[in-house]
Amino acid sequence: MAVRTLGDTGLPVSRLGLGLAALGRPGYINLGHAGDLAGETGVAAMEARAHELLDAAYTAGVRYVDAARSYGRAEAFLGSWLRARGLGAADVTVGSKWGYTYTAGWSVDATVNEVKDLSIDTLRRQEQETRSELGDRLALYQIHSATLESGVLDNHDVAAELARLRLSGVRIGFTCTGPRQRETIERAIDLGTFDAVQATWNLLDPAAGPALAAAHAAGLGVIVKEAVANGRLTARGDVPELIAAARDAGVSPDALALAAVLAQPWVDVVLSGASTTAMLASNLAALDITLDQSMLDRLSSLAEPPEDYWQTRAALPWN
């Protein structure tokens, strides 16, 4: 797999990265997640699954892995894999996030799965927790789900702490969420203090595209998450037009959806959220798909109003 630089950060990344949201905890909102895990939700079983996916991804050339404090034991699983394989920062670029605390207690049926708090106290606590799991392998540290409403981008204490981390050599990024991603990204560009942005962009919600293009032009690395819309843009999803287009192209729906993201010139990395090796293999097939303009035009018709997309996402059940 081709390796490129994440924006102006100097960090080497592969076009396809692996996100650990579905691998670090027994519950997540991806469609069919419970079936993928097949009841094997003990800590040891989940760690073995994470290592299996990480091995398969690394063998395939994946060189960016994305975790978060709220992904259950994702950082711990990633750290144990890196140590077991003898891999360091020169081998895999590792990103993680702070801002949400995992509260499900390893249960799928928890009333509250994670709690968001973008305060300086959370940053300081979670930075130490992340360091205890990943050590000096951490290359990119991101605000988890920054929004304009949260005020985190203009929090002076948070900005000072992130600046200190940046001076230590850790690149600083942010992820964004919700129907106002565009405005959040534009504000972050204006501040000029971030090295990377991670945002949702997919065939159902491409609204952040112009802002991500502007971020790329400004030198920020661009990472795209939720490219298959938590499973909606797969064979198990609710978008028959995509399934029909994939059938006509002779590829899987998830690979076609990922290829549409890779076709955007401002994308550095698109994350796979695979929870099985078969799913990862299907995602990797996107790298071999070239989309002509007629197919891109056909796929562009799938876009929904951002408010509708995020309302549907909020209603997806944890499983």
Protein backbone atom coordinates (compact mmCIF):
# COMPACT_ATOMS: atom_id res chain seq x y z
CA MET A 1 0.00 0.00 0.00
CA ALA A 2 1.30 3.44 -0.90
CA VAL A 3 2.56 5.57 1.99
CA ARG A 4 2.20 9.34 2.02
CA THR A 5 2.74 12.16 4.50
CA LEU A 6 -0.14 13.28 6.71
CA GLY A 7 -0.45 16.88 5.57
CA ASP A 8 2.62 18.88 6.61
CA THR A 9 3.18 16.82 9.77
CA GLY A 10 5.92 14.64 8.31
CA LEU A 11 4.12 11.58 9.69
CA PRO A 12 4.02 8.63 7.25
CA VAL A 13 0.55 7.17 6.76
CA SER A 14 -1.15 4.68 4.48
CA ARG A 15 -4.20 5.62 2.40
CA LEU A 16 -6.30 3.21 4.46
CA GLY A 17 -5.98 3.31 8.23
CA LEU A 18 -7.54 1.16 10.95
CA GLY A 19 -9.85 2.70 13.55
CA LEU A 20 -10.32 0.77 16.79
CA ALA A 21 -13.75 2.03 17.89
CA ALA A 22 -15.36 -1.38 17.24
CA LEU A 23 -12.44 -3.44 18.56
CA GLY A 24 -11.73 -2.00 22.00
CA ARG A 25 -15.09 -2.54 23.72
CA PRO A 26 -17.94 -5.07 23.44
CA GLY A 27 -20.56 -2.52 22.41
CA TYR A 28 -20.64 -0.06 19.52
CA ILE A 29 -23.19 1.48 17.13
CA ASN A 30 -21.98 -0.23 13.94
CA LEU A 31 -24.76 -2.25 12.30
CA GLY A 32 -24.31 -5.93 13.09
CA HIS A 33 -21.52 -5.37 15.60
CA ALA A 34 -22.92 -7.97 18.01
CA GLY A 35 -23.00 -10.58 15.27
CA ASP A 36 -19.43 -9.79 14.28
CA LEU A 37 -18.24 -10.45 17.82
CA ALA A 38 -20.37 -13.62 18.05
CA GLY A 39 -20.55 -13.43 21.82
CA GLU A 40 -16.77 -13.43 22.26
CA THR A 41 -16.73 -10.27 24.35
CA GLY A 42 -14.41 -11.13 27.22
CA VAL A 43 -11.36 -8.91 27.58
CA ALA A 44 -8.95 -11.66 26.48
CA ALA A 45 -11.08 -12.54 23.45
CA MET A 46 -11.43 -8.90 22.45
CA GLU A 47 -7.68 -8.36 22.77
CA ALA A 48 -7.01 -11.41 20.61
CA ARG A 49 -9.46 -10.12 18.00
CA ALA A 50 -7.84 -6.67 18.01
CA HIS A 51 -4.39 -8.24 17.58
CA GLU A 52 -5.70 -10.40 14.72
CA LEU A 53 -7.08 -7.35 12.91
CA LEU A 54 -3.93 -5.33 13.57
CA ASP A 55 -1.77 -8.16 12.22
CA ALA A 56 -3.89 -8.43 9.07
CA ALA A 57 -3.89 -4.66 8.57
CA TYR A 58 -0.14 -4.34 9.06
CA THR A 59 0.53 -7.22 6.65
CA ALA A 60 -1.65 -5.44 4.08
CA GLY A 61 0.38 -2.25 4.46
CA VAL A 62 -1.75 -0.25 6.89
CA ARG A 63 0.51 2.23 8.67
CA TYR A 64 -1.96 4.44 10.54
CA VAL A 65 -3.95 3.21 13.55
CA ASP A 66 -6.49 5.37 15.39
CA ALA A 67 -7.64 4.88 18.99
CA ALA A 68 -9.27 6.94 21.77
CA ARG A 69 -9.58 6.93 25.53
CA SER A 70 -13.31 6.18 25.19
CA TYR A 71 -12.83 3.08 23.02
CA GLY A 72 -12.80 0.81 26.06
CA ARG A 73 -9.41 -0.93 26.14
CA ALA A 74 -8.41 0.02 22.58
CA GLU A 75 -5.25 1.85 23.65
CA ALA A 76 -4.26 -1.05 25.89
CA PHE A 77 -4.84 -3.58 23.10
CA LEU A 78 -2.90 -1.43 20.65
CA GLY A 79 -0.05 -0.94 23.12
CA SER A 80 0.23 -4.68 23.85
CA TRP A 81 0.25 -5.43 20.11
CA LEU A 82 2.97 -2.88 19.40
CA ARG A 83 5.13 -4.25 22.20
CA ALA A 84 4.55 -7.89 21.21
CA ARG A 85 5.50 -7.20 17.59
CA GLY A 86 8.43 -4.92 18.48
CA LEU A 87 6.97 -2.02 16.51
CA GLY A 88 7.75 1.61 17.24
CA ALA A 89 6.88 5.06 15.99
CA ALA A 90 8.94 4.53 12.84
CA ASP A 91 6.86 1.47 11.92
CA VAL A 92 3.28 2.61 12.58
CA THR A 93 1.87 6.10 13.03
CA VAL A 94 -0.43 6.02 16.06
CA GLY A 95 -3.15 8.54 16.78
CA SER A 96 -5.43 8.74 19.80
CA LYS A 97 -7.98 11.12 21.27
CA TRP A 98 -9.00 12.68 24.55
CA GLY A 99 -12.33 14.11 25.67
CA TYR A 100 -14.68 11.17 26.23
CA THR A 101 -14.55 8.78 29.18
CA TYR A 102 -15.69 5.18 28.71
CA THR A 103 -18.40 4.44 31.27
CA ALA A 104 -20.06 1.21 30.08
CA GLY A 105 -18.07 -1.04 32.42
CA TRP A 106 -17.59 -3.64 29.64
CA SER A 107 -21.36 -3.99 29.22
CA VAL A 108 -23.31 -3.75 25.97
CA ASP A 109 -26.47 -2.76 27.83
CA ALA A 110 -25.12 0.24 29.75
CA THR A 111 -27.41 3.22 30.05
CA VAL A 112 -24.50 5.56 29.34
CA ASN A 113 -21.57 4.26 27.27
CA GLU A 114 -19.33 7.33 27.32
CA VAL A 115 -19.32 10.81 28.81
CA LYS A 116 -17.95 13.85 26.98
CA ASP A 117 -15.92 16.42 28.90
CA LEU A 118 -13.48 18.62 26.98
CA SER A 119 -12.10 20.40 30.04
CA ILE A 120 -8.43 20.94 30.86
CA ASP A 121 -8.75 18.48 33.76
CA THR A 122 -9.88 15.73 31.39
CA LEU A 123 -7.06 16.53 28.98
CA ARG A 124 -4.41 16.30 31.70
CA ARG A 125 -5.82 13.08 33.15
CA GLN A 126 -6.34 11.33 29.84
CA GLU A 127 -2.99 12.40 28.44
CA GLN A 128 -1.32 10.53 31.28
CA GLU A 129 -3.59 7.52 30.77
CA THR A 130 -2.80 7.44 27.07
CA ARG A 131 0.92 7.74 27.74
CA SER A 132 0.76 4.81 30.16
CA GLU A 133 -0.62 2.62 27.35
CA LEU A 134 1.19 3.94 24.29
CA GLY A 135 4.32 5.66 25.62
CA ASP A 136 6.42 7.42 23.01
CA ARG A 137 4.61 5.63 20.19
CA LEU A 138 1.88 8.29 20.33
CA ALA A 139 2.37 10.55 17.29
CA LEU A 140 -0.96 12.37 16.96
CA TYR A 141 -3.19 13.46 19.87
CA GLN A 142 -6.65 14.72 18.96
CA ILE A 143 -9.52 16.52 20.63
CA HIS A 144 -12.41 14.05 20.44
CA SER A 145 -15.49 15.50 18.72
CA ALA A 146 -14.77 19.20 18.93
CA THR A 147 -17.74 21.42 18.15
CA LEU A 148 -18.24 25.16 18.15
CA GLU A 149 -20.81 24.76 20.90
CA SER A 150 -18.33 23.02 23.21
CA GLY A 151 -16.01 26.03 23.18
CA VAL A 152 -12.95 23.77 23.32
CA LEU A 153 -11.23 25.38 20.32
CA ASP A 154 -11.15 28.71 22.18
CA ASN A 155 -10.33 27.34 25.64
CA HIS A 156 -7.05 29.05 26.59
CA ASP A 157 -6.00 26.44 29.17
CA VAL A 158 -6.58 23.60 26.71
CA ALA A 159 -4.76 25.52 23.97
CA ALA A 160 -1.74 26.07 26.23
CA GLU A 161 -1.54 22.40 27.18
CA LEU A 162 -1.85 21.29 23.55
CA ALA A 163 0.86 23.79 22.58
CA ARG A 164 3.14 22.24 25.21
CA LEU A 165 2.50 18.79 23.76
CA ARG A 166 3.14 20.09 20.27
CA LEU A 167 6.52 21.48 21.35
CA SER A 168 7.38 18.04 22.73
CA GLY A 169 6.99 16.58 19.25
CA VAL A 170 3.45 15.21 19.39
CA ARG A 171 1.29 16.46 16.53
CA ILE A 172 -2.03 17.96 17.57
CA GLY A 173 -5.33 17.38 15.85
CA PHE A 174 -9.06 17.43 16.41
CA THR A 175 -12.02 15.38 15.31
CA CYS A 176 -15.38 16.92 14.65
CA THR A 177 -18.95 15.72 14.56
CA GLY A 178 -22.49 16.80 13.83
CA PRO A 179 -24.18 18.86 11.13
CA ARG A 180 -21.87 21.86 11.73
CA GLN A 181 -18.58 20.15 10.99
CA ARG A 182 -17.81 22.70 8.28
CA GLU A 183 -17.91 25.64 10.67
CA THR A 184 -15.81 23.80 13.25
CA ILE A 185 -13.12 23.04 10.69
CA GLU A 186 -13.11 26.61 9.41
CA ARG A 187 -12.63 27.95 12.95
CA ALA A 188 -9.73 25.55 13.54
CA ILE A 189 -8.06 26.63 10.30
CA ASP A 190 -8.34 30.27 11.40
CA LEU A 191 -6.64 29.45 14.72
CA GLY A 192 -3.65 27.91 12.94
CA THR A 193 -2.73 25.70 15.90
CA PHE A 194 -3.65 22.26 14.59
CA ASP A 195 -1.71 19.76 12.51
CA ALA A 196 -4.56 17.46 11.50
CA VAL A 197 -8.33 17.16 11.27
CA GLN A 198 -10.46 14.02 11.41
CA ALA A 199 -14.02 14.37 10.19
CA THR A 200 -16.97 12.39 8.94
CA TRP A 201 -17.27 12.45 5.16
CA ASN A 202 -19.24 9.84 3.30
CA LEU A 203 -21.73 9.47 0.48
CA LEU A 204 -24.62 10.28 2.82
CA ASP A 205 -23.03 13.36 4.39
CA PRO A 206 -20.40 15.02 2.18
CA ALA A 207 -21.12 18.51 3.57
CA ALA A 208 -17.70 18.93 5.21
CA GLY A 209 -15.89 18.44 1.90
CA PRO A 210 -15.13 22.09 1.06
CA ALA A 211 -13.83 22.77 4.57
CA LEU A 212 -11.66 19.65 4.48
CA ALA A 213 -10.27 20.76 1.12
CA ALA A 214 -9.41 24.11 2.69
CA ALA A 215 -7.76 22.35 5.65
CA HIS A 216 -5.68 20.27 3.28
CA ALA A 217 -4.66 23.39 1.35
CA ALA A 218 -3.60 24.95 4.67
CA GLY A 219 -1.27 22.02 5.36
CA LEU A 220 -3.39 20.05 7.82
CA GLY A 221 -3.48 16.30 7.52
CA VAL A 222 -6.98 15.07 6.65
CA ILE A 223 -8.32 11.81 8.11
CA VAL A 224 -11.82 10.66 7.19
CA LYS A 225 -13.85 8.61 9.67
CA GLU A 226 -17.19 6.82 9.33
CA ALA A 227 -16.73 6.39 5.59
CA VAL A 228 -19.30 3.59 5.56
CA ALA A 229 -21.64 5.45 7.95
CA ASN A 230 -21.45 2.90 10.78
CA GLY A 231 -22.49 0.14 8.40
CA ARG A 232 -25.25 1.94 6.55
CA LEU A 233 -23.04 2.05 3.44
CA THR A 234 -22.43 -1.71 3.38
CA ALA A 235 -24.35 -4.77 2.22
CA ARG A 236 -26.10 -4.84 5.60
CA GLY A 237 -27.16 -1.20 5.35
CA ASP A 238 -30.23 0.76 4.29
CA VAL A 239 -29.07 2.35 1.01
CA PRO A 240 -30.31 0.17 -1.87
CA GLU A 241 -29.00 2.62 -4.47
CA LEU A 242 -25.44 1.98 -3.27
CA ILE A 243 -25.97 -1.78 -3.31
CA ALA A 244 -27.25 -1.55 -6.88
CA ALA A 245 -24.31 0.62 -7.96
CA ALA A 246 -21.85 -1.80 -6.36
CA ARG A 247 -23.49 -4.74 -8.09
CA ASP A 248 -23.20 -2.95 -11.42
CA ALA A 249 -19.52 -2.23 -10.75
CA GLY A 250 -18.80 -5.77 -9.58
CA VAL A 251 -17.53 -4.69 -6.16
CA SER A 252 -18.81 -4.74 -2.58
CA PRO A 253 -20.87 -1.75 -1.36
CA ASP A 254 -18.38 -0.93 1.42
CA ALA A 255 -15.44 -0.95 -1.01
CA LEU A 256 -17.34 1.34 -3.37
CA ALA A 257 -18.18 3.75 -0.53
CA LEU A 258 -14.54 3.82 0.60
CA ALA A 259 -13.32 4.30 -2.97
CA ALA A 260 -15.54 7.37 -3.23
CA VAL A 261 -13.71 8.84 -0.23
CA LEU A 262 -10.30 7.94 -1.62
CA ALA A 263 -11.24 9.71 -4.86
CA GLN A 264 -11.32 13.05 -3.01
CA PRO A 265 -7.96 14.77 -3.65
CA TRP A 266 -7.78 16.28 -0.17
CA VAL A 267 -7.94 12.96 1.74
CA ASP A 268 -4.75 11.61 3.30
CA VAL A 269 -6.22 8.66 5.22
CA VAL A 270 -9.62 7.00 5.28
CA LEU A 271 -10.29 4.80 8.29
CA SER A 272 -11.59 1.26 8.15
CA GLY A 273 -13.70 0.40 11.18
CA ALA A 274 -13.52 -3.33 10.48
CA SER A 275 -14.23 -5.76 13.30
CA THR A 276 -13.50 -8.97 11.32
CA THR A 277 -10.69 -9.90 8.97
CA ALA A 278 -13.24 -10.55 6.20
CA MET A 279 -14.59 -7.03 6.63
CA LEU A 280 -11.07 -5.62 6.52
CA ALA A 281 -10.32 -7.53 3.30
CA SER A 282 -13.49 -6.14 1.73
CA ASN A 283 -12.52 -2.61 2.80
CA LEU A 284 -9.01 -3.01 1.40
CA ALA A 285 -10.47 -3.78 -2.02
CA ALA A 286 -11.34 -0.07 -2.27
CA LEU A 287 -7.69 0.66 -2.99
CA ASP A 288 -7.99 -1.09 -6.34
CA ILE A 289 -11.14 0.71 -7.51
CA THR A 290 -10.97 3.64 -9.90
CA LEU A 291 -14.22 5.57 -10.22
CA ASP A 292 -15.16 7.31 -13.45
CA GLN A 293 -17.15 10.52 -13.47
CA SER A 294 -20.41 8.80 -14.30
CA MET A 295 -20.15 6.62 -11.19
CA LEU A 296 -19.13 9.58 -9.03
CA ASP A 297 -22.17 11.46 -10.30
CA ARG A 298 -24.38 8.47 -9.57
CA LEU A 299 -23.05 8.16 -6.03
CA SER A 300 -23.39 11.89 -5.35
CA SER A 301 -27.17 11.50 -5.51
CA LEU A 302 -27.07 9.57 -2.20
CA ALA A 303 -26.37 12.69 -0.11
CA GLU A 304 -28.83 13.53 2.66
CA PRO A 305 -29.34 16.83 4.49
CA PRO A 306 -26.72 16.84 7.28
CA GLU A 307 -29.38 17.25 9.97
CA ASP A 308 -31.14 14.10 8.73
CA TYR A 309 -27.93 12.13 8.57
CA TRP A 310 -26.87 12.98 12.12
CA GLN A 311 -30.36 12.38 13.50
CA THR A 312 -30.30 8.88 12.01
CA ARG A 313 -26.82 8.27 13.38
CA ALA A 314 -27.87 9.34 16.87
CA ALA A 315 -30.64 6.75 16.79
CA LEU A 316 -28.36 3.80 15.96
CA PRO A 317 -28.47 1.31 18.84
CA TRP A 318 -25.40 0.14 20.73
CA ASN A 319 -24.99 -3.59 20.13
